[in-house]
Structure formats: C-alpha cells, structure tokens
Amino acid sequence: MEERPVLLTREGLRQLEEELEQLVRVRREEVAERIRQAREFGDIAENAEYTEAKNEQSLVEGRIATLEAMIRNAVVIENEPREEGVAAVGARVVVEFDDGDQTTYSIVGPAEADPLHGRISNESPLGRALLGHRAGDEVEWSSPNGTSRVKILAVE
C-alpha cells in the first residue's frame, strides 16, 4: 500500500505525537488491565466485559497504527516554500461570500481540517478552488447547495 504525505502544521504534528504518547503509555495499559480483570471472571466466551475490553483494545491499536503512519509520513507545511500572496497549503486566506460575509480560512492538510474553526483542507472543494489564486481573484467552487463564488480579499 502506497503511503501519501500527510500535510500538517507544526502544532498539528505535536498534537498527533501527544495523542500517540497517551495511547501507547496510558490507554494501552488501561485496556490490558481491563482484559486481565475480565479474564478473572471465568468463561470468556460469555463474558461481556472481556468482549468489550477486547473491542476497545482493537480500537486503541488501530488508532496507534494510524497515528504512527501519519507521523511517519508527516510533511510540516510551514517548511514548504510557497509564493508570496498565492493561496497554498499553510496560507491564511480571507474570502468574501456572495452575501457579503467575510471569513478567514487557514488551508491545511486533511488530517487537521476543522471548518468550524477556520481550518479547511486543501482537498476540500473550497480549499482546492482557492489554491493558486491571489487577492482580488474570484473563484467558483462546488458547495452542497450548488456552485458558489467567493472573492479572495487577502492571502497571508
């Protein structure tokens, strides 16, 4: 399986590393202890606590594997060279919608996207539409309500 680069800010990478540390050092041990305790109840074939603990162990181990792959393939976007004034991953873009609302978005990789907090993925329809454009450009993008337009007011 080909692993793609994971675009992250320095802060995003730090958060993933902290989450991984927590899962490996704390959660993994907590789940292992729950499994040990559940085994003491006897027949594991009909033991709901054991089944639940094993399911949780599977989720924790899956998340650990995902985080390890993300960190291994991380590309810190602040270190990526980009042209001044051009919307790219790592840029902050101020846009104005047709209704006059202005919003500032940081363009980040999919792992850090959080549109409610102004962080849109470079792979999202709006993020993809903004890439390569400058202040003053108007761009169209496919929104859930159809085609929308935004005007770029500034690129930082």
C-alpha atoms as a PDB file:
ATOM      1  CA  MET A   1       0.000   0.000   0.000  1.00  0.00           C
ATOM      2  CA  GLU A   2       1.373   3.403  -1.003  1.00  0.00           C
ATOM      3  CA  GLU A   3       1.519   5.889   1.839  1.00  0.00           C
ATOM      4  CA  ARG A   4       0.813   9.505   0.904  1.00  0.00           C
ATOM      5  CA  PRO A   5       2.426  12.518   2.561  1.00  0.00           C
ATOM      6  CA  VAL A   6       0.383  13.864   5.471  1.00  0.00           C
ATOM      7  CA  LEU A   7       0.415  17.649   5.416  1.00  0.00           C
ATOM      8  CA  LEU A   8       0.496  19.044   8.952  1.00  0.00           C
ATOM      9  CA  THR A   9       1.291  22.255  10.734  1.00  0.00           C
ATOM     10  CA  ARG A  10       3.969  22.054  13.406  1.00  0.00           C
ATOM     11  CA  GLU A  11       1.186  22.293  16.034  1.00  0.00           C
ATOM     12  CA  GLY A  12      -0.811  19.527  14.332  1.00  0.00           C
ATOM     13  CA  LEU A  13       2.207  17.231  14.334  1.00  0.00           C
ATOM     14  CA  ARG A  14       2.792  17.970  18.029  1.00  0.00           C
ATOM     15  CA  GLN A  15      -0.845  17.109  18.820  1.00  0.00           C
ATOM     16  CA  LEU A  16      -0.612  13.803  16.957  1.00  0.00           C
ATOM     17  CA  GLU A  17       2.603  12.930  18.794  1.00  0.00           C
ATOM     18  CA  GLU A  18       0.959  13.728  22.139  1.00  0.00           C
ATOM     19  CA  GLU A  19      -2.082  11.610  21.287  1.00  0.00           C
ATOM     20  CA  LEU A  20       0.169   8.717  20.278  1.00  0.00           C
ATOM     21  CA  GLU A  21       2.152   9.032  23.505  1.00  0.00           C
ATOM     22  CA  GLN A  22      -1.077   8.988  25.551  1.00  0.00           C
ATOM     23  CA  LEU A  23      -2.399   5.921  23.740  1.00  0.00           C
ATOM     24  CA  VAL A  24       0.853   3.955  23.997  1.00  0.00           C
ATOM     25  CA  ARG A  25       1.789   4.843  27.576  1.00  0.00           C
ATOM     26  CA  VAL A  26      -1.622   5.129  29.249  1.00  0.00           C
ATOM     27  CA  ARG A  27      -4.603   3.794  27.265  1.00  0.00           C
ATOM     28  CA  ARG A  28      -2.873   0.606  26.101  1.00  0.00           C
ATOM     29  CA  GLU A  29      -2.046  -0.303  29.720  1.00  0.00           C
ATOM     30  CA  GLU A  30      -5.544   0.580  30.942  1.00  0.00           C
ATOM     31  CA  VAL A  31      -7.141  -1.673  28.336  1.00  0.00           C
ATOM     32  CA  ALA A  32      -4.697  -4.508  29.041  1.00  0.00           C
ATOM     33  CA  GLU A  33      -5.602  -4.280  32.738  1.00  0.00           C
ATOM     34  CA  ARG A  34      -9.320  -4.392  31.902  1.00  0.00           C
ATOM     35  CA  ILE A  35      -8.722  -7.539  29.834  1.00  0.00           C
ATOM     36  CA  ARG A  36      -6.783  -9.158  32.710  1.00  0.00           C
ATOM     37  CA  GLN A  37      -9.574  -8.346  35.153  1.00  0.00           C
ATOM     38  CA  ALA A  38     -12.282  -9.610  32.793  1.00  0.00           C
ATOM     39  CA  ARG A  39     -10.459 -12.933  32.370  1.00  0.00           C
ATOM     40  CA  GLU A  40     -10.683 -13.457  36.111  1.00  0.00           C
ATOM     41  CA  PHE A  41     -14.485 -13.565  35.840  1.00  0.00           C
ATOM     42  CA  GLY A  42     -14.227 -17.008  34.238  1.00  0.00           C
ATOM     43  CA  ASP A  43     -15.573 -18.235  30.904  1.00  0.00           C
ATOM     44  CA  ILE A  44     -14.537 -15.599  28.357  1.00  0.00           C
ATOM     45  CA  ALA A  45     -16.988 -16.960  25.740  1.00  0.00           C
ATOM     46  CA  GLU A  46     -19.918 -15.391  27.627  1.00  0.00           C
ATOM     47  CA  ASN A  47     -18.068 -12.536  29.288  1.00  0.00           C
ATOM     48  CA  ALA A  48     -19.374  -9.135  28.126  1.00  0.00           C
ATOM     49  CA  GLU A  49     -16.631  -7.241  29.971  1.00  0.00           C
ATOM     50  CA  TYR A  50     -13.954  -9.266  28.205  1.00  0.00           C
ATOM     51  CA  THR A  51     -15.568  -8.758  24.787  1.00  0.00           C
ATOM     52  CA  GLU A  52     -15.908  -5.028  25.391  1.00  0.00           C
ATOM     53  CA  ALA A  53     -12.300  -4.713  26.554  1.00  0.00           C
ATOM     54  CA  LYS A  54     -11.025  -6.662  23.527  1.00  0.00           C
ATOM     55  CA  ASN A  55     -13.049  -4.405  21.212  1.00  0.00           C
ATOM     56  CA  GLU A  56     -11.587  -1.336  22.905  1.00  0.00           C
ATOM     57  CA  GLN A  57      -8.100  -2.815  22.559  1.00  0.00           C
ATOM     58  CA  SER A  58      -8.700  -3.227  18.832  1.00  0.00           C
ATOM     59  CA  LEU A  59      -9.775   0.423  18.507  1.00  0.00           C
ATOM     60  CA  VAL A  60      -6.771   1.672  20.501  1.00  0.00           C
ATOM     61  CA  GLU A  61      -4.302  -0.429  18.496  1.00  0.00           C
ATOM     62  CA  GLY A  62      -5.907   0.710  15.238  1.00  0.00           C
ATOM     63  CA  ARG A  63      -5.597   4.361  16.234  1.00  0.00           C
ATOM     64  CA  ILE A  64      -1.964   3.816  17.291  1.00  0.00           C
ATOM     65  CA  ALA A  65      -1.185   2.310  13.865  1.00  0.00           C
ATOM     66  CA  THR A  66      -2.941   5.208  12.112  1.00  0.00           C
ATOM     67  CA  LEU A  67      -1.074   7.830  14.140  1.00  0.00           C
ATOM     68  CA  GLU A  68       2.279   6.122  13.589  1.00  0.00           C
ATOM     69  CA  ALA A  69       1.686   6.111   9.821  1.00  0.00           C
ATOM     70  CA  MET A  70       0.593   9.769   9.845  1.00  0.00           C
ATOM     71  CA  ILE A  71       3.654  10.841  11.840  1.00  0.00           C
ATOM     72  CA  ARG A  72       5.988   8.734   9.699  1.00  0.00           C
ATOM     73  CA  ASN A  73       4.635  10.429   6.548  1.00  0.00           C
ATOM     74  CA  ALA A  74       4.262  13.925   8.014  1.00  0.00           C
ATOM     75  CA  VAL A  75       5.328  16.922   5.965  1.00  0.00           C
ATOM     76  CA  VAL A  76       5.384  20.105   8.045  1.00  0.00           C
ATOM     77  CA  ILE A  77       3.735  22.702   5.818  1.00  0.00           C
ATOM     78  CA  GLU A  78       5.401  25.739   7.411  1.00  0.00           C
ATOM     79  CA  ASN A  79       8.657  24.438   5.974  1.00  0.00           C
ATOM     80  CA  GLU A  80       7.289  24.200   2.449  1.00  0.00           C
ATOM     81  CA  PRO A  81       8.303  27.072   0.195  1.00  0.00           C
ATOM     82  CA  ARG A  82       5.369  28.978  -1.269  1.00  0.00           C
ATOM     83  CA  GLU A  83       4.989  32.032  -3.434  1.00  0.00           C
ATOM     84  CA  GLU A  84       4.141  35.210  -1.514  1.00  0.00           C
ATOM     85  CA  GLY A  85       0.480  36.227  -1.906  1.00  0.00           C
ATOM     86  CA  VAL A  86      -0.632  32.963  -3.509  1.00  0.00           C
ATOM     87  CA  ALA A  87      -3.121  30.682  -1.763  1.00  0.00           C
ATOM     88  CA  ALA A  88      -1.384  27.424  -0.896  1.00  0.00           C
ATOM     89  CA  VAL A  89      -1.267  24.884   1.906  1.00  0.00           C
ATOM     90  CA  GLY A  90      -0.192  26.768   5.010  1.00  0.00           C
ATOM     91  CA  ALA A  91      -1.656  30.104   3.880  1.00  0.00           C
ATOM     92  CA  ARG A  92      -4.393  32.100   5.582  1.00  0.00           C
ATOM     93  CA  VAL A  93      -6.964  33.320   3.083  1.00  0.00           C
ATOM     94  CA  VAL A  94      -9.605  35.979   3.712  1.00  0.00           C
ATOM     95  CA  VAL A  95     -12.637  35.462   1.473  1.00  0.00           C
ATOM     96  CA  GLU A  96     -15.919  37.259   0.918  1.00  0.00           C
ATOM     97  CA  PHE A  97     -19.025  35.274   0.039  1.00  0.00           C
ATOM     98  CA  ASP A  98     -21.831  36.470  -2.245  1.00  0.00           C
ATOM     99  CA  ASP A  99     -23.882  37.574   0.766  1.00  0.00           C
ATOM    100  CA  GLY A 100     -21.061  39.867   1.960  1.00  0.00           C
ATOM    101  CA  ASP A 101     -19.887  37.642   4.825  1.00  0.00           C
ATOM    102  CA  GLN A 102     -16.114  37.608   5.261  1.00  0.00           C
ATOM    103  CA  THR A 103     -14.260  34.628   6.653  1.00  0.00           C
ATOM    104  CA  THR A 104     -10.610  33.779   7.187  1.00  0.00           C
ATOM    105  CA  TYR A 105      -9.514  30.223   6.469  1.00  0.00           C
ATOM    106  CA  SER A 106      -6.216  28.501   7.050  1.00  0.00           C
ATOM    107  CA  ILE A 107      -5.553  25.959   4.315  1.00  0.00           C
ATOM    108  CA  VAL A 108      -4.263  22.782   5.946  1.00  0.00           C
ATOM    109  CA  GLY A 109      -3.954  19.100   5.121  1.00  0.00           C
ATOM    110  CA  PRO A 110      -6.974  16.811   5.597  1.00  0.00           C
ATOM    111  CA  ALA A 111      -5.705  15.499   8.956  1.00  0.00           C
ATOM    112  CA  GLU A 112      -6.063  18.950  10.539  1.00  0.00           C
ATOM    113  CA  ALA A 113      -9.174  20.210   8.765  1.00  0.00           C
ATOM    114  CA  ASP A 114     -11.758  21.755  11.085  1.00  0.00           C
ATOM    115  CA  PRO A 115     -14.031  24.078   9.088  1.00  0.00           C
ATOM    116  CA  LEU A 116     -15.918  25.244  12.179  1.00  0.00           C
ATOM    117  CA  HIS A 117     -12.622  26.677  13.439  1.00  0.00           C
ATOM    118  CA  GLY A 118     -11.495  28.162  10.120  1.00  0.00           C
ATOM    119  CA  ARG A 119      -9.230  25.305   9.014  1.00  0.00           C
ATOM    120  CA  ILE A 120     -10.132  23.880   5.608  1.00  0.00           C
ATOM    121  CA  SER A 121      -8.467  21.010   3.808  1.00  0.00           C
ATOM    122  CA  ASN A 122      -6.561  21.576   0.616  1.00  0.00           C
ATOM    123  CA  GLU A 123      -8.570  18.614  -0.695  1.00  0.00           C
ATOM    124  CA  SER A 124     -11.991  20.114   0.122  1.00  0.00           C
ATOM    125  CA  PRO A 125     -13.939  21.716  -2.725  1.00  0.00           C
ATOM    126  CA  LEU A 126     -13.352  25.263  -1.410  1.00  0.00           C
ATOM    127  CA  GLY A 127      -9.736  24.610  -0.436  1.00  0.00           C
ATOM    128  CA  ARG A 128      -8.966  23.101  -3.825  1.00  0.00           C
ATOM    129  CA  ALA A 129     -10.635  26.070  -5.585  1.00  0.00           C
ATOM    130  CA  LEU A 130      -8.582  28.629  -3.621  1.00  0.00           C
ATOM    131  CA  LEU A 131      -5.203  27.038  -4.353  1.00  0.00           C
ATOM    132  CA  GLY A 132      -3.034  29.067  -6.718  1.00  0.00           C
ATOM    133  CA  HIS A 133      -5.191  32.209  -6.577  1.00  0.00           C
ATOM    134  CA  ARG A 134      -4.350  35.698  -5.284  1.00  0.00           C
ATOM    135  CA  ALA A 135      -6.144  38.585  -3.584  1.00  0.00           C
ATOM    136  CA  GLY A 136      -8.708  40.081  -5.961  1.00  0.00           C
ATOM    137  CA  ASP A 137      -9.430  36.771  -7.710  1.00  0.00           C
ATOM    138  CA  GLU A 138     -12.943  35.372  -7.724  1.00  0.00           C
ATOM    139  CA  VAL A 139     -13.195  31.604  -7.644  1.00  0.00           C
ATOM    140  CA  GLU A 140     -16.043  29.177  -8.133  1.00  0.00           C
ATOM    141  CA  TRP A 141     -16.410  26.019  -6.133  1.00  0.00           C
ATOM    142  CA  SER A 142     -18.968  23.253  -5.791  1.00  0.00           C
ATOM    143  CA  SER A 143     -20.817  23.589  -2.499  1.00  0.00           C
ATOM    144  CA  PRO A 144     -23.585  21.332  -1.177  1.00  0.00           C
ATOM    145  CA  ASN A 145     -26.042  23.961  -2.479  1.00  0.00           C
ATOM    146  CA  GLY A 146     -24.569  24.034  -5.981  1.00  0.00           C
ATOM    147  CA  THR A 147     -21.893  26.252  -7.474  1.00  0.00           C
ATOM    148  CA  SER A 148     -20.780  29.115  -5.247  1.00  0.00           C
ATOM    149  CA  ARG A 149     -18.399  32.034  -5.735  1.00  0.00           C
ATOM    150  CA  VAL A 150     -16.049  33.715  -3.315  1.00  0.00           C
ATOM    151  CA  LYS A 151     -13.770  36.694  -3.741  1.00  0.00           C
ATOM    152  CA  ILE A 152     -10.290  36.460  -2.234  1.00  0.00           C
ATOM    153  CA  LEU A 153      -9.622  39.604  -0.205  1.00  0.00           C
ATOM    154  CA  ALA A 154      -6.191  38.701   1.170  1.00  0.00           C
ATOM    155  CA  VAL A 155      -3.649  35.890   1.253  1.00  0.00           C
ATOM    156  CA  GLU A 156      -1.249  35.782   4.192  1.00  0.00           C
END
